[in-house]
Amino acid sequence: MKTDNSCFERVEEFKYFGTALTNQSFIQEEIKSRLNSRPACYHSVQNLLSSSLLSRNLKIKRCRTIILPVVLYGCETWLLTMREERRLRVSENRVLRRIFGPKRDEVTGEWRKLYNEGLNDLYCSLNVVRVIK
Protein backbone atom coordinates (compact mmCIF):
# COMPACT_ATOMS: atom_id res chain seq x y z
CA MET A 1 0.00 0.00 0.00
CA LYS A 2 1.40 3.34 -1.03
CA THR A 3 1.03 6.37 1.27
CA ASP A 4 0.65 9.92 0.10
CA ASN A 5 3.31 12.18 1.68
CA SER A 6 2.23 15.28 -0.22
CA CYS A 7 0.49 16.71 2.86
CA PHE A 8 3.82 16.91 4.71
CA GLU A 9 6.08 19.80 3.96
CA ARG A 10 9.49 20.66 5.28
CA VAL A 11 9.49 23.51 7.79
CA GLU A 12 12.69 25.52 7.96
CA GLU A 13 11.84 27.63 11.01
CA PHE A 14 8.97 28.07 13.44
CA LYS A 15 8.19 29.60 16.82
CA TYR A 16 7.43 27.36 19.80
CA PHE A 17 6.42 29.13 23.03
CA GLY A 18 8.17 32.26 21.79
CA THR A 19 11.40 30.46 20.90
CA ALA A 20 12.57 30.37 17.29
CA LEU A 21 13.46 26.80 16.31
CA THR A 22 15.23 25.96 13.07
CA ASN A 23 16.06 22.70 11.36
CA GLN A 24 19.76 23.62 11.59
CA SER A 25 19.61 24.36 15.34
CA PHE A 26 21.44 27.65 14.87
CA ILE A 27 21.21 29.52 18.14
CA GLN A 28 22.29 32.75 16.42
CA GLU A 29 18.80 33.15 14.97
CA GLU A 30 17.22 32.71 18.40
CA ILE A 31 19.51 35.29 19.98
CA LYS A 32 18.84 37.65 17.08
CA SER A 33 15.11 37.15 17.59
CA ARG A 34 15.43 37.84 21.34
CA LEU A 35 17.47 40.99 20.73
CA ASN A 36 14.96 42.17 18.14
CA SER A 37 12.17 41.84 20.69
CA ARG A 38 14.06 43.99 23.20
CA PRO A 39 13.30 47.37 21.54
CA ALA A 40 9.54 46.85 21.76
CA CYS A 41 9.85 46.04 25.45
CA TYR A 42 12.29 48.92 25.96
CA HIS A 43 10.01 51.46 24.29
CA SER A 44 7.17 50.45 26.59
CA VAL A 45 9.23 51.57 29.61
CA GLN A 46 11.34 54.25 27.93
CA ASN A 47 9.63 57.08 29.80
CA LEU A 48 10.38 55.40 33.12
CA LEU A 49 14.05 54.89 32.29
CA SER A 50 14.59 58.49 31.22
CA SER A 51 12.55 60.06 34.02
CA SER A 52 14.39 62.31 36.45
CA LEU A 53 11.81 61.50 39.14
CA LEU A 54 12.99 57.91 39.59
CA SER A 55 16.27 56.91 41.19
CA ARG A 56 18.87 54.97 39.23
CA ASN A 57 18.42 51.95 41.47
CA LEU A 58 14.70 51.86 40.72
CA LYS A 59 15.38 52.22 36.99
CA ILE A 60 17.85 49.31 37.12
CA LYS A 61 15.31 47.17 38.97
CA ARG A 62 12.70 47.93 36.31
CA CYS A 63 15.17 47.03 33.60
CA ARG A 64 16.05 43.74 35.29
CA THR A 65 12.41 42.77 35.85
CA ILE A 66 10.92 43.90 32.53
CA ILE A 67 13.57 43.93 29.79
CA LEU A 68 16.06 41.27 30.88
CA PRO A 69 13.57 38.36 31.00
CA VAL A 70 12.44 39.15 27.45
CA VAL A 71 16.02 38.91 26.19
CA LEU A 72 17.00 35.90 28.30
CA TYR A 73 13.98 33.68 27.65
CA GLY A 74 15.28 30.22 26.76
CA CYS A 75 18.94 31.13 27.33
CA GLU A 76 19.55 27.86 29.20
CA THR A 77 20.11 26.14 25.87
CA TRP A 78 22.35 28.77 24.29
CA LEU A 79 25.98 28.11 23.44
CA LEU A 80 27.41 31.60 23.10
CA THR A 81 30.14 32.54 20.69
CA MET A 82 32.13 35.72 21.07
CA ARG A 83 29.92 37.37 18.45
CA GLU A 84 26.72 36.64 20.39
CA GLU A 85 28.32 37.72 23.66
CA ARG A 86 29.27 41.03 22.08
CA ARG A 87 25.77 41.56 20.66
CA LEU A 88 24.21 40.90 24.07
CA ARG A 89 26.61 43.28 25.81
CA VAL A 90 25.99 46.02 23.23
CA SER A 91 22.25 45.65 23.72
CA GLU A 92 22.60 45.83 27.50
CA ASN A 93 24.92 48.86 27.31
CA ARG A 94 22.37 50.77 25.23
CA VAL A 95 19.80 50.43 27.98
CA LEU A 96 22.31 51.27 30.71
CA ARG A 97 23.43 54.40 28.87
CA ARG A 98 19.81 55.51 28.80
CA ILE A 99 19.51 54.92 32.55
CA PHE A 100 22.77 56.59 33.61
CA GLY A 101 22.67 59.37 31.02
CA PRO A 102 25.64 61.34 29.72
CA LYS A 103 28.73 62.25 31.73
CA ARG A 104 30.53 65.56 31.87
CA ASP A 105 34.12 65.31 30.66
CA GLU A 106 36.47 66.56 33.39
CA VAL A 107 39.02 68.01 30.95
CA THR A 108 36.86 69.73 28.32
CA GLY A 109 33.68 70.18 30.34
CA GLU A 110 31.59 68.80 27.48
CA TRP A 111 28.91 66.17 27.83
CA ARG A 112 29.60 62.77 26.33
CA LYS A 113 28.16 59.27 26.50
CA LEU A 114 29.56 56.91 29.07
CA TYR A 115 32.25 54.54 27.91
CA ASN A 116 31.92 50.82 28.64
CA GLU A 117 34.38 51.03 31.56
CA GLY A 118 32.33 53.80 33.12
CA LEU A 119 29.15 51.75 32.73
CA ASN A 120 30.82 48.76 34.36
CA ASP A 121 31.87 50.94 37.31
CA LEU A 122 28.36 52.35 37.78
CA TYR A 123 26.49 49.09 37.17
CA CYS A 124 27.80 46.72 39.82
CA SER A 125 25.47 43.82 38.98
CA LEU A 126 26.40 40.91 36.74
CA ASN A 127 26.27 41.70 33.05
CA VAL A 128 23.94 39.78 30.77
CA VAL A 129 26.66 37.36 29.58
CA ARG A 130 27.57 36.41 33.15
CA VAL A 131 23.89 35.84 33.95
CA ILE A 132 23.62 33.43 31.00
CA LYS A 133 26.81 31.57 31.91
C-alpha atoms as a PDB file:
ATOM      1  CA  MET A   1       0.000   0.000   0.000  1.00  0.00           C
ATOM      2  CA  LYS A   2       1.400   3.336  -1.034  1.00  0.00           C
ATOM      3  CA  THR A   3       1.030   6.370   1.270  1.00  0.00           C
ATOM      4  CA  ASP A   4       0.654   9.922   0.095  1.00  0.00           C
ATOM      5  CA  ASN A   5       3.308  12.185   1.677  1.00  0.00           C
ATOM      6  CA  SER A   6       2.229  15.278  -0.222  1.00  0.00           C
ATOM      7  CA  CYS A   7       0.494  16.708   2.864  1.00  0.00           C
ATOM      8  CA  PHE A   8       3.823  16.907   4.709  1.00  0.00           C
ATOM      9  CA  GLU A   9       6.084  19.800   3.956  1.00  0.00           C
ATOM     10  CA  ARG A  10       9.489  20.660   5.281  1.00  0.00           C
ATOM     11  CA  VAL A  11       9.487  23.512   7.787  1.00  0.00           C
ATOM     12  CA  GLU A  12      12.690  25.522   7.956  1.00  0.00           C
ATOM     13  CA  GLU A  13      11.840  27.629  11.007  1.00  0.00           C
ATOM     14  CA  PHE A  14       8.965  28.067  13.444  1.00  0.00           C
ATOM     15  CA  LYS A  15       8.185  29.603  16.824  1.00  0.00           C
ATOM     16  CA  TYR A  16       7.426  27.363  19.797  1.00  0.00           C
ATOM     17  CA  PHE A  17       6.420  29.126  23.031  1.00  0.00           C
ATOM     18  CA  GLY A  18       8.174  32.260  21.785  1.00  0.00           C
ATOM     19  CA  THR A  19      11.400  30.465  20.903  1.00  0.00           C
ATOM     20  CA  ALA A  20      12.569  30.368  17.293  1.00  0.00           C
ATOM     21  CA  LEU A  21      13.462  26.799  16.310  1.00  0.00           C
ATOM     22  CA  THR A  22      15.228  25.956  13.066  1.00  0.00           C
ATOM     23  CA  ASN A  23      16.056  22.697  11.355  1.00  0.00           C
ATOM     24  CA  GLN A  24      19.755  23.617  11.592  1.00  0.00           C
ATOM     25  CA  SER A  25      19.606  24.365  15.344  1.00  0.00           C
ATOM     26  CA  PHE A  26      21.435  27.651  14.873  1.00  0.00           C
ATOM     27  CA  ILE A  27      21.208  29.522  18.135  1.00  0.00           C
ATOM     28  CA  GLN A  28      22.285  32.751  16.424  1.00  0.00           C
ATOM     29  CA  GLU A  29      18.798  33.154  14.971  1.00  0.00           C
ATOM     30  CA  GLU A  30      17.216  32.712  18.400  1.00  0.00           C
ATOM     31  CA  ILE A  31      19.510  35.294  19.983  1.00  0.00           C
ATOM     32  CA  LYS A  32      18.839  37.651  17.082  1.00  0.00           C
ATOM     33  CA  SER A  33      15.106  37.151  17.595  1.00  0.00           C
ATOM     34  CA  ARG A  34      15.430  37.836  21.337  1.00  0.00           C
ATOM     35  CA  LEU A  35      17.470  40.986  20.733  1.00  0.00           C
ATOM     36  CA  ASN A  36      14.963  42.166  18.136  1.00  0.00           C
ATOM     37  CA  SER A  37      12.165  41.837  20.692  1.00  0.00           C
ATOM     38  CA  ARG A  38      14.065  43.993  23.200  1.00  0.00           C
ATOM     39  CA  PRO A  39      13.298  47.368  21.537  1.00  0.00           C
ATOM     40  CA  ALA A  40       9.541  46.852  21.765  1.00  0.00           C
ATOM     41  CA  CYS A  41       9.845  46.042  25.452  1.00  0.00           C
ATOM     42  CA  TYR A  42      12.292  48.920  25.963  1.00  0.00           C
ATOM     43  CA  HIS A  43      10.007  51.461  24.287  1.00  0.00           C
ATOM     44  CA  SER A  44       7.171  50.454  26.586  1.00  0.00           C
ATOM     45  CA  VAL A  45       9.234  51.569  29.615  1.00  0.00           C
ATOM     46  CA  GLN A  46      11.338  54.253  27.926  1.00  0.00           C
ATOM     47  CA  ASN A  47       9.625  57.077  29.801  1.00  0.00           C
ATOM     48  CA  LEU A  48      10.383  55.395  33.125  1.00  0.00           C
ATOM     49  CA  LEU A  49      14.047  54.886  32.287  1.00  0.00           C
ATOM     50  CA  SER A  50      14.589  58.488  31.216  1.00  0.00           C
ATOM     51  CA  SER A  51      12.545  60.062  34.015  1.00  0.00           C
ATOM     52  CA  SER A  52      14.387  62.308  36.445  1.00  0.00           C
ATOM     53  CA  LEU A  53      11.811  61.496  39.135  1.00  0.00           C
ATOM     54  CA  LEU A  54      12.990  57.906  39.591  1.00  0.00           C
ATOM     55  CA  SER A  55      16.271  56.909  41.189  1.00  0.00           C
ATOM     56  CA  ARG A  56      18.875  54.969  39.227  1.00  0.00           C
ATOM     57  CA  ASN A  57      18.420  51.952  41.470  1.00  0.00           C
ATOM     58  CA  LEU A  58      14.703  51.858  40.717  1.00  0.00           C
ATOM     59  CA  LYS A  59      15.378  52.218  36.992  1.00  0.00           C
ATOM     60  CA  ILE A  60      17.849  49.315  37.119  1.00  0.00           C
ATOM     61  CA  LYS A  61      15.313  47.174  38.972  1.00  0.00           C
ATOM     62  CA  ARG A  62      12.699  47.930  36.310  1.00  0.00           C
ATOM     63  CA  CYS A  63      15.168  47.030  33.596  1.00  0.00           C
ATOM     64  CA  ARG A  64      16.050  43.737  35.289  1.00  0.00           C
ATOM     65  CA  THR A  65      12.409  42.773  35.852  1.00  0.00           C
ATOM     66  CA  ILE A  66      10.925  43.899  32.526  1.00  0.00           C
ATOM     67  CA  ILE A  67      13.569  43.931  29.789  1.00  0.00           C
ATOM     68  CA  LEU A  68      16.061  41.272  30.877  1.00  0.00           C
ATOM     69  CA  PRO A  69      13.567  38.362  31.003  1.00  0.00           C
ATOM     70  CA  VAL A  70      12.444  39.155  27.446  1.00  0.00           C
ATOM     71  CA  VAL A  71      16.020  38.913  26.192  1.00  0.00           C
ATOM     72  CA  LEU A  72      17.002  35.900  28.298  1.00  0.00           C
ATOM     73  CA  TYR A  73      13.977  33.685  27.646  1.00  0.00           C
ATOM     74  CA  GLY A  74      15.285  30.221  26.758  1.00  0.00           C
ATOM     75  CA  CYS A  75      18.945  31.132  27.331  1.00  0.00           C
ATOM     76  CA  GLU A  76      19.546  27.858  29.202  1.00  0.00           C
ATOM     77  CA  THR A  77      20.108  26.137  25.873  1.00  0.00           C
ATOM     78  CA  TRP A  78      22.346  28.774  24.291  1.00  0.00           C
ATOM     79  CA  LEU A  79      25.978  28.113  23.438  1.00  0.00           C
ATOM     80  CA  LEU A  80      27.405  31.596  23.104  1.00  0.00           C
ATOM     81  CA  THR A  81      30.138  32.535  20.685  1.00  0.00           C
ATOM     82  CA  MET A  82      32.128  35.725  21.069  1.00  0.00           C
ATOM     83  CA  ARG A  83      29.918  37.373  18.447  1.00  0.00           C
ATOM     84  CA  GLU A  84      26.719  36.642  20.387  1.00  0.00           C
ATOM     85  CA  GLU A  85      28.317  37.722  23.659  1.00  0.00           C
ATOM     86  CA  ARG A  86      29.267  41.030  22.081  1.00  0.00           C
ATOM     87  CA  ARG A  87      25.769  41.560  20.657  1.00  0.00           C
ATOM     88  CA  LEU A  88      24.207  40.895  24.065  1.00  0.00           C
ATOM     89  CA  ARG A  89      26.611  43.282  25.812  1.00  0.00           C
ATOM     90  CA  VAL A  90      25.989  46.023  23.232  1.00  0.00           C
ATOM     91  CA  SER A  91      22.246  45.651  23.722  1.00  0.00           C
ATOM     92  CA  GLU A  92      22.603  45.833  27.497  1.00  0.00           C
ATOM     93  CA  ASN A  93      24.915  48.859  27.312  1.00  0.00           C
ATOM     94  CA  ARG A  94      22.371  50.768  25.228  1.00  0.00           C
ATOM     95  CA  VAL A  95      19.796  50.431  27.980  1.00  0.00           C
ATOM     96  CA  LEU A  96      22.315  51.269  30.707  1.00  0.00           C
ATOM     97  CA  ARG A  97      23.429  54.397  28.870  1.00  0.00           C
ATOM     98  CA  ARG A  98      19.812  55.507  28.803  1.00  0.00           C
ATOM     99  CA  ILE A  99      19.512  54.915  32.551  1.00  0.00           C
ATOM    100  CA  PHE A 100      22.769  56.594  33.613  1.00  0.00           C
ATOM    101  CA  GLY A 101      22.670  59.371  31.025  1.00  0.00           C
ATOM    102  CA  PRO A 102      25.641  61.344  29.720  1.00  0.00           C
ATOM    103  CA  LYS A 103      28.730  62.247  31.730  1.00  0.00           C
ATOM    104  CA  ARG A 104      30.532  65.563  31.866  1.00  0.00           C
ATOM    105  CA  ASP A 105      34.116  65.306  30.660  1.00  0.00           C
ATOM    106  CA  GLU A 106      36.469  66.556  33.387  1.00  0.00           C
ATOM    107  CA  VAL A 107      39.021  68.014  30.950  1.00  0.00           C
ATOM    108  CA  THR A 108      36.864  69.725  28.323  1.00  0.00           C
ATOM    109  CA  GLY A 109      33.683  70.181  30.343  1.00  0.00           C
ATOM    110  CA  GLU A 110      31.591  68.805  27.480  1.00  0.00           C
ATOM    111  CA  TRP A 111      28.906  66.171  27.834  1.00  0.00           C
ATOM    112  CA  ARG A 112      29.600  62.769  26.330  1.00  0.00           C
ATOM    113  CA  LYS A 113      28.158  59.273  26.500  1.00  0.00           C
ATOM    114  CA  LEU A 114      29.564  56.906  29.070  1.00  0.00           C
ATOM    115  CA  TYR A 115      32.255  54.541  27.910  1.00  0.00           C
ATOM    116  CA  ASN A 116      31.923  50.822  28.639  1.00  0.00           C
ATOM    117  CA  GLU A 117      34.376  51.026  31.559  1.00  0.00           C
ATOM    118  CA  GLY A 118      32.327  53.803  33.122  1.00  0.00           C
ATOM    119  CA  LEU A 119      29.152  51.752  32.732  1.00  0.00           C
ATOM    120  CA  ASN A 120      30.820  48.762  34.361  1.00  0.00           C
ATOM    121  CA  ASP A 121      31.872  50.936  37.305  1.00  0.00           C
ATOM    122  CA  LEU A 122      28.360  52.346  37.777  1.00  0.00           C
ATOM    123  CA  TYR A 123      26.490  49.093  37.173  1.00  0.00           C
ATOM    124  CA  CYS A 124      27.796  46.725  39.822  1.00  0.00           C
ATOM    125  CA  SER A 125      25.466  43.815  38.981  1.00  0.00           C
ATOM    126  CA  LEU A 126      26.395  40.914  36.741  1.00  0.00           C
ATOM    127  CA  ASN A 127      26.273  41.701  33.049  1.00  0.00           C
ATOM    128  CA  VAL A 128      23.940  39.776  30.772  1.00  0.00           C
ATOM    129  CA  VAL A 129      26.656  37.364  29.583  1.00  0.00           C
ATOM    130  CA  ARG A 130      27.573  36.409  33.147  1.00  0.00           C
ATOM    131  CA  VAL A 131      23.894  35.844  33.950  1.00  0.00           C
ATOM    132  CA  ILE A 132      23.621  33.434  31.003  1.00  0.00           C
ATOM    133  CA  LYS A 133      26.813  31.566  31.910  1.00  0.00           C
END
